Protein backbone atom coordinates (compact mmCIF):
# COMPACT_ATOMS: atom_id res chain seq x y z
CA MET A 1 -5.09 23.57 -27.51
CA THR A 2 -6.90 21.04 -25.31
CA ILE A 3 -7.29 21.39 -21.54
CA ARG A 4 -4.75 18.60 -21.09
CA GLU A 5 -2.22 20.43 -23.21
CA LYS A 6 -2.77 23.61 -21.21
CA ILE A 7 -2.17 21.72 -17.98
CA GLU A 8 0.98 20.15 -19.40
CA LYS A 9 2.20 23.58 -20.48
CA MET A 10 1.50 24.92 -16.99
CA GLU A 11 3.56 22.07 -15.51
CA GLN A 12 6.48 22.97 -17.76
CA GLU A 13 6.31 26.61 -16.66
CA THR A 14 5.73 26.18 -12.93
CA LEU A 15 7.12 22.86 -11.69
CA SER A 16 10.67 22.33 -10.48
CA PRO A 17 13.28 21.42 -13.10
CA TYR A 18 13.61 18.14 -11.19
CA ALA A 19 9.90 17.29 -11.46
CA THR A 20 8.58 14.47 -13.63
CA LEU A 21 6.47 16.17 -16.29
CA SER A 22 3.31 14.47 -17.51
CA SER A 23 4.25 15.26 -21.09
CA CYS A 24 7.61 13.48 -20.64
CA SER A 25 6.28 10.19 -19.28
CA ARG A 26 7.89 7.00 -20.57
CA GLY A 27 4.35 5.96 -21.44
CA ARG A 28 2.22 2.86 -21.05
CA GLU A 29 2.81 -0.75 -22.07
CA ARG A 30 -0.15 -0.45 -24.46
CA GLU A 31 -0.53 2.78 -26.37
CA GLU A 32 -3.89 4.49 -26.13
CA PRO A 33 -5.40 7.82 -27.21
CA SER A 34 -4.68 10.80 -24.94
CA CYS A 35 -7.44 12.31 -22.84
CA ASP A 36 -8.43 15.83 -23.84
CA ILE A 37 -8.76 16.90 -20.17
CA ARG A 38 -6.45 14.85 -17.94
CA PRO A 39 -2.67 14.37 -18.16
CA VAL A 40 -1.40 10.80 -17.91
CA PHE A 41 -0.66 10.71 -14.17
CA GLN A 42 -4.05 12.15 -13.30
CA ARG A 43 -5.66 9.42 -15.40
CA ASP A 44 -3.59 6.82 -13.52
CA ARG A 45 -4.72 8.27 -10.20
CA ASP A 46 -8.35 8.00 -11.29
CA ARG A 47 -7.94 4.43 -12.53
CA ILE A 48 -6.48 3.30 -9.22
CA LEU A 49 -9.14 5.12 -7.21
CA HIS A 50 -11.94 3.41 -9.13
CA CYS A 51 -10.49 -0.12 -9.22
CA LYS A 52 -11.86 -2.95 -7.09
CA ALA A 53 -8.56 -3.66 -5.35
CA PHE A 54 -8.57 -0.12 -3.97
CA ARG A 55 -12.08 -0.50 -2.54
CA ARG A 56 -11.09 -3.72 -0.78
CA LEU A 57 -8.41 -1.89 1.22
CA LYS A 58 -11.06 -0.57 3.60
CA ASN A 59 -11.51 -4.08 5.03
CA LYS A 60 -7.88 -5.16 5.19
CA THR A 61 -5.79 -5.11 8.36
CA GLN A 62 -3.11 -2.48 8.88
CA VAL A 63 -1.57 -3.75 12.15
CA PHE A 64 -4.33 -4.88 14.52
CA LEU A 65 -6.41 -7.84 13.32
CA THR A 66 -10.19 -7.33 13.49
CA PRO A 67 -9.93 -4.63 16.20
CA LYS A 68 -12.97 -3.81 18.31
CA GLY A 69 -13.17 -0.10 17.65
CA ASP A 70 -13.97 2.28 14.83
CA HIS A 71 -10.80 4.37 15.01
CA TYR A 72 -8.05 1.86 14.26
CA ARG A 73 -6.37 2.29 10.90
CA THR A 74 -7.17 -0.02 8.03
CA ARG A 75 -5.04 -0.45 4.92
CA LEU A 76 -7.25 2.18 3.24
CA SER A 77 -6.92 4.86 5.91
CA HIS A 78 -3.16 4.23 5.92
CA THR A 79 -3.09 4.74 2.16
CA LEU A 80 -4.96 8.04 2.44
CA GLU A 81 -2.57 9.30 5.13
CA VAL A 82 0.42 8.38 2.96
CA SER A 83 -1.16 10.25 0.06
CA GLN A 84 -1.79 13.37 2.10
CA ASN A 85 1.75 13.48 3.51
CA ALA A 86 3.22 12.92 0.05
CA ARG A 87 1.07 15.57 -1.62
CA THR A 88 2.06 18.15 0.99
CA ILE A 89 5.75 17.50 0.34
CA ALA A 90 5.36 17.42 -3.44
CA LYS A 91 3.44 20.69 -3.55
CA ALA A 92 6.04 22.45 -1.41
CA LEU A 93 8.88 21.17 -3.63
CA ARG A 94 6.99 21.97 -6.85
CA LEU A 95 7.05 18.34 -7.95
CA ASN A 96 4.28 16.47 -9.77
CA GLU A 97 1.44 16.10 -7.29
CA ASP A 98 -0.64 13.90 -9.62
CA LEU A 99 2.19 11.39 -9.93
CA VAL A 100 2.76 11.37 -6.18
CA GLU A 101 -0.92 10.78 -5.50
CA ALA A 102 -1.21 7.96 -8.04
CA ILE A 103 1.79 6.13 -6.56
CA ALA A 104 0.55 6.65 -3.00
CA LEU A 105 -2.98 5.40 -3.72
CA GLY A 106 -1.63 2.31 -5.48
CA HIS A 107 1.33 1.38 -3.32
CA ASP A 108 -0.47 -1.12 -1.06
CA LEU A 109 -3.04 -2.63 -3.44
CA GLY A 110 -1.26 -5.99 -3.20
CA HIS A 111 -1.47 -6.38 0.56
CA THR A 112 -3.03 -9.61 1.81
CA PRO A 113 -5.79 -10.11 4.37
CA PHE A 114 -4.51 -9.97 7.96
CA GLY A 115 -1.65 -7.60 7.18
CA HIS A 116 1.94 -8.77 7.05
CA ALA A 117 0.97 -12.08 8.69
CA GLY A 118 -0.82 -12.99 5.47
CA GLU A 119 2.06 -11.75 3.35
CA TYR A 120 4.63 -13.85 5.21
CA LEU A 121 2.42 -16.94 4.95
CA LEU A 122 1.89 -16.61 1.20
CA ASN A 123 5.58 -15.88 0.73
CA SER A 124 6.34 -19.27 2.26
CA LEU A 125 3.85 -21.04 -0.02
CA CYS A 126 3.97 -19.30 -3.37
CA LYS A 127 6.47 -20.33 -6.01
CA ASN A 128 9.06 -17.53 -6.38
CA GLY A 129 7.77 -15.96 -3.16
CA PHE A 130 5.16 -13.31 -2.46
CA ARG A 131 5.88 -9.63 -1.75
CA HIS A 132 3.09 -7.10 -1.49
CA ASN A 133 4.86 -4.40 -3.53
CA GLU A 134 5.32 -6.82 -6.43
CA GLN A 135 1.73 -7.98 -6.04
CA SER A 136 0.54 -4.37 -6.22
CA VAL A 137 2.21 -4.07 -9.62
CA ARG A 138 0.77 -7.44 -10.67
CA ILE A 139 -2.70 -6.19 -9.80
CA VAL A 140 -2.45 -3.06 -11.93
CA GLU A 141 -0.74 -4.92 -14.80
CA LYS A 142 -2.63 -8.23 -14.93
CA LEU A 143 -5.38 -8.81 -12.39
CA GLU A 144 -7.66 -5.78 -12.58
CA LYS A 145 -10.33 -5.55 -15.28
CA SER A 146 -10.48 -9.31 -15.76
CA GLY A 147 -6.87 -9.66 -16.80
CA GLU A 148 -6.52 -6.48 -18.84
CA GLY A 149 -4.91 -4.49 -16.04
CA LEU A 150 -5.07 -0.72 -15.66
CA ASN A 151 -2.33 0.02 -18.20
CA LEU A 152 -0.63 2.57 -15.95
CA THR A 153 2.39 4.64 -16.90
CA TRP A 154 5.91 3.40 -16.24
CA GLU A 155 6.54 6.08 -13.58
CA VAL A 156 3.54 5.06 -11.46
CA ARG A 157 4.38 1.35 -11.67
CA ASP A 158 8.01 2.12 -10.77
CA GLY A 159 6.94 4.09 -7.71
CA ILE A 160 4.58 1.35 -6.55
CA LEU A 161 7.19 -1.37 -7.01
CA ASN A 162 9.98 0.51 -5.23
CA HIS A 163 8.24 1.98 -2.19
CA GLN A 164 9.91 -0.59 0.08
CA THR A 165 12.87 0.26 2.32
CA SER A 166 15.17 -2.06 0.36
CA THR A 167 14.49 -0.45 -3.04
CA MET A 168 14.58 3.05 -4.53
CA PRO A 169 12.23 4.63 -7.11
CA HIS A 170 13.62 6.38 -10.18
CA THR A 171 11.60 9.60 -9.75
CA LEU A 172 11.64 12.17 -6.96
CA GLU A 173 7.89 11.72 -6.68
CA GLY A 174 8.37 8.01 -6.00
CA LYS A 175 11.01 8.80 -3.39
CA ILE A 176 8.54 11.11 -1.64
CA VAL A 177 5.97 8.31 -1.38
CA ARG A 178 8.63 5.90 -0.12
CA LEU A 179 9.41 8.21 2.81
CA SER A 180 5.79 9.26 3.33
CA ASP A 181 4.81 5.60 3.77
CA LYS A 182 7.21 5.20 6.68
CA ILE A 183 6.25 8.53 8.22
CA ALA A 184 2.58 7.55 8.09
CA TYR A 185 2.75 4.04 9.48
CA ILE A 186 5.25 4.77 12.24
CA ASN A 187 3.11 7.58 13.61
CA HIS A 188 -0.36 6.18 13.14
CA ASP A 189 0.75 2.81 14.51
CA ILE A 190 1.94 4.58 17.66
CA ASP A 191 -1.50 6.17 17.92
CA ASP A 192 -3.25 2.83 17.43
CA ALA A 193 -0.93 1.00 19.84
CA ILE A 194 -1.65 3.55 22.58
CA ARG A 195 -5.37 3.24 21.86
CA ALA A 196 -5.05 -0.56 22.14
CA GLN A 197 -3.14 -0.17 25.44
CA ILE A 198 -0.17 -2.03 24.00
CA MET A 199 2.07 0.86 25.00
CA VAL A 200 1.98 4.35 26.49
CA GLN A 201 3.65 7.51 25.27
CA GLU A 202 6.23 7.27 28.06
CA ASP A 203 7.54 3.98 26.61
CA ILE A 204 9.08 5.83 23.68
CA PRO A 205 12.72 6.79 24.39
CA LYS A 206 12.90 10.41 25.53
CA GLU A 207 15.69 11.29 23.11
CA LEU A 208 13.51 10.28 20.18
CA LEU A 209 10.61 12.35 21.47
CA LYS A 210 12.93 15.30 21.99
CA THR A 211 14.18 15.07 18.40
CA LEU A 212 10.94 14.19 16.61
CA GLY A 213 8.16 15.55 18.79
CA TYR A 214 5.96 14.50 21.68
CA THR A 215 2.69 14.08 19.78
CA THR A 216 1.65 12.66 16.42
CA ARG A 217 1.00 16.17 15.18
CA GLU A 218 4.43 17.39 16.25
CA ARG A 219 6.20 14.40 14.71
CA LEU A 220 4.40 14.69 11.37
CA ASP A 221 5.14 18.41 11.26
CA LYS A 222 8.80 17.85 12.11
CA LEU A 223 9.37 15.04 9.60
CA ILE A 224 7.55 16.68 6.71
CA HIS A 225 9.23 20.05 7.27
CA ASN A 226 12.60 18.35 7.54
CA ILE A 227 12.19 16.62 4.17
CA ILE A 228 11.08 19.84 2.49
CA THR A 229 13.88 21.92 4.01
CA ASN A 230 16.60 19.44 3.05
CA SER A 231 15.25 18.66 -0.44
CA ILE A 232 14.25 22.04 -1.79
CA GLU A 233 15.95 22.90 -5.11
CA LYS A 234 17.80 19.56 -5.06
CA ASP A 235 17.66 16.57 -7.37
CA ASP A 236 16.97 14.23 -4.45
CA ILE A 237 14.60 13.69 -1.54
CA MET A 238 16.42 13.63 1.78
CA MET A 239 16.30 14.32 5.50
CA SER A 240 18.86 15.69 7.91
CA LYS A 241 21.10 12.99 9.38
CA GLU A 242 19.85 13.58 12.94
CA VAL A 243 16.16 13.34 12.05
CA GLU A 244 16.61 10.41 9.67
CA GLU A 245 18.49 8.41 12.30
CA ALA A 246 15.83 9.24 14.91
CA MET A 247 13.08 8.07 12.55
CA HIS A 248 14.89 4.79 11.88
CA GLU A 249 15.42 4.30 15.60
CA LEU A 250 11.71 4.94 16.25
CA ARG A 251 10.87 2.37 13.55
CA ARG A 252 13.12 -0.19 15.29
CA PHE A 253 11.39 0.63 18.57
CA MET A 254 8.00 -0.05 16.95
CA PHE A 255 9.15 -3.40 15.57
CA LYS A 256 10.33 -4.52 18.98
CA ASN A 257 7.43 -3.18 21.04
CA VAL A 258 4.43 -3.30 18.70
CA TYR A 259 4.93 -5.19 15.43
CA GLN A 260 6.45 -8.17 17.29
CA ASN A 261 4.48 -7.72 20.51
CA PRO A 262 2.84 -11.05 21.47
CA VAL A 263 -0.29 -9.28 22.74
CA ALA A 264 -0.76 -7.17 19.61
CA LYS A 265 0.05 -10.07 17.30
CA GLY A 266 -1.60 -12.81 19.33
CA GLU A 267 -4.21 -13.61 16.69
CA GLU A 268 -1.74 -13.83 13.80
CA GLU A 269 -1.05 -17.54 14.26
CA LYS A 270 -4.76 -18.20 13.81
CA ALA A 271 -4.80 -15.99 10.72
CA ARG A 272 -1.85 -17.86 9.20
CA GLY A 273 -3.51 -21.20 9.94
CA LEU A 274 -6.73 -20.03 8.33
CA LEU A 275 -4.98 -18.87 5.16
CA LYS A 276 -2.87 -22.04 4.99
CA GLN A 277 -6.00 -24.19 5.07
CA LEU A 278 -7.65 -22.04 2.40
CA TYR A 279 -4.52 -22.31 0.24
CA ASP A 280 -4.40 -26.11 0.52
CA TYR A 281 -8.13 -26.37 -0.16
CA TYR A 282 -8.00 -24.21 -3.28
CA MET A 283 -4.97 -26.10 -4.59
CA ASP A 284 -7.16 -29.21 -4.49
CA HIS A 285 -10.29 -27.41 -5.75
CA LEU A 286 -9.21 -24.96 -8.43
CA GLU A 287 -12.75 -25.06 -9.82
CA LEU A 288 -13.87 -22.94 -6.84
CA ILE A 289 -11.63 -20.04 -7.86
CA PRO A 290 -13.27 -17.38 -10.06
CA GLU A 291 -12.70 -17.82 -13.77
CA LYS A 292 -10.86 -14.52 -14.16
CA TYR A 293 -8.06 -16.04 -12.07
CA THR A 294 -8.05 -19.57 -13.47
CA ASN A 295 -7.96 -18.19 -17.03
CA MET A 296 -4.36 -17.24 -16.31
CA LEU A 297 -3.47 -20.93 -16.14
CA LYS A 298 -3.99 -21.04 -19.90
CA SER A 299 -1.23 -18.47 -20.36
CA GLY A 300 1.26 -20.53 -18.37
CA GLU A 301 0.79 -19.22 -14.82
CA ASP A 302 1.51 -21.73 -12.04
CA GLU A 303 -1.36 -23.01 -9.93
CA GLU A 304 0.39 -21.74 -6.79
CA ARG A 305 0.55 -18.24 -8.24
CA VAL A 306 -3.12 -18.21 -9.19
CA VAL A 307 -4.21 -19.42 -5.76
CA CYS A 308 -2.04 -16.77 -4.10
CA ASP A 309 -3.53 -14.11 -6.38
CA TYR A 310 -7.03 -15.07 -5.29
CA ILE A 311 -6.31 -15.35 -1.56
CA SER A 312 -4.21 -12.17 -1.41
CA GLY A 313 -7.09 -10.20 -2.90
CA MET A 314 -9.48 -11.24 -0.14
CA THR A 315 -10.50 -8.91 2.65
CA ASP A 316 -10.14 -10.16 6.22
CA GLN A 317 -13.85 -10.88 6.55
CA TYR A 318 -14.16 -12.57 3.17
CA ALA A 319 -11.31 -14.94 4.06
CA ILE A 320 -13.06 -15.77 7.34
CA THR A 321 -16.35 -16.30 5.52
CA LYS A 322 -14.80 -18.71 3.01
CA PHE A 323 -13.05 -20.59 5.82
CA GLU A 324 -16.35 -21.00 7.65
CA GLU A 325 -18.02 -22.16 4.44
CA TYR A 326 -15.43 -24.87 3.77
CA PHE A 327 -14.39 -26.01 7.24
CA LEU A 328 -17.18 -25.31 9.74
CA PRO A 329 -20.43 -27.31 9.83
CA GLN A 330 -23.45 -25.35 8.65
CA ALA A 331 -26.82 -25.39 10.36
CA TRP A 332 -29.30 -27.74 8.65
CA GLN A 333 -32.14 -25.76 7.11
CA VAL A 334 -35.58 -27.11 6.19
CA ASP A 335 -38.90 -25.45 5.53
CA GLY A 336 -41.52 -25.45 8.26
CA TYR A 337 -41.07 -26.74 11.78
């Protein structure tokens, strides 16, 4: 019996009857030999962790564009906080921690430079629209490894695709990540907004603080415990009605006071203008796009889709660098004096 088989047997003996077992995965789009050490979801986790799109997350905006400070969240630190919250819940409920971690690490791979400002801009330009959850799946299916994709399991791709509020994953592990994403960004965005002096703790309605907690630590503890308490030994992931309503109300508060705050989002119009000019330029100069993207034109992909693929993969700084290269005059350089 291989190490992988021993791990799969241990899952069968110890995990909840509602857990998604590695040995029962629906599989991959392309069949491949099993690893002798790692079950399928652990392999998926490793593939995501080592892919280029994951590394780029460290230089992509979470909420605040190019903040002057080392402690503001990036898309990568957000992803790691989602993963940690989700793993804590999964372990307590005896669900598949490897599956949860793989979904969490991959859920935001498709985010654009400059956060949701970039996503909204590309959505207005790209044929058939642009949504970061769908782009995350596109990355792991088509864009990574020069068009080969990562060949992830169905369960991981399902969790990545359906982590949005408007959709629902088919596994309990995916549902954990879906909630953990909201728990993470609501709380760390409060922390960042206070650091940026966009708001103060006292701005948050007192009833919400009373229900959820007065500090980030208290709120995380309350929300995670509430999910575990209300989901244990159940074939669903849920919260108590009071806490769930308070969390949704806190999310609405954040949209009104932070996500749509003209001070916090003051640079977004510039970011959208920058990306729009890059989009128009690349549509006229497809030869400047790396070959791994333009090769998809041969398989019938639209030019708009290919340009959006390329721009959405950029980090904030790389997008700025390319804009400067194409649209700002460069200093004339000659040898000597």
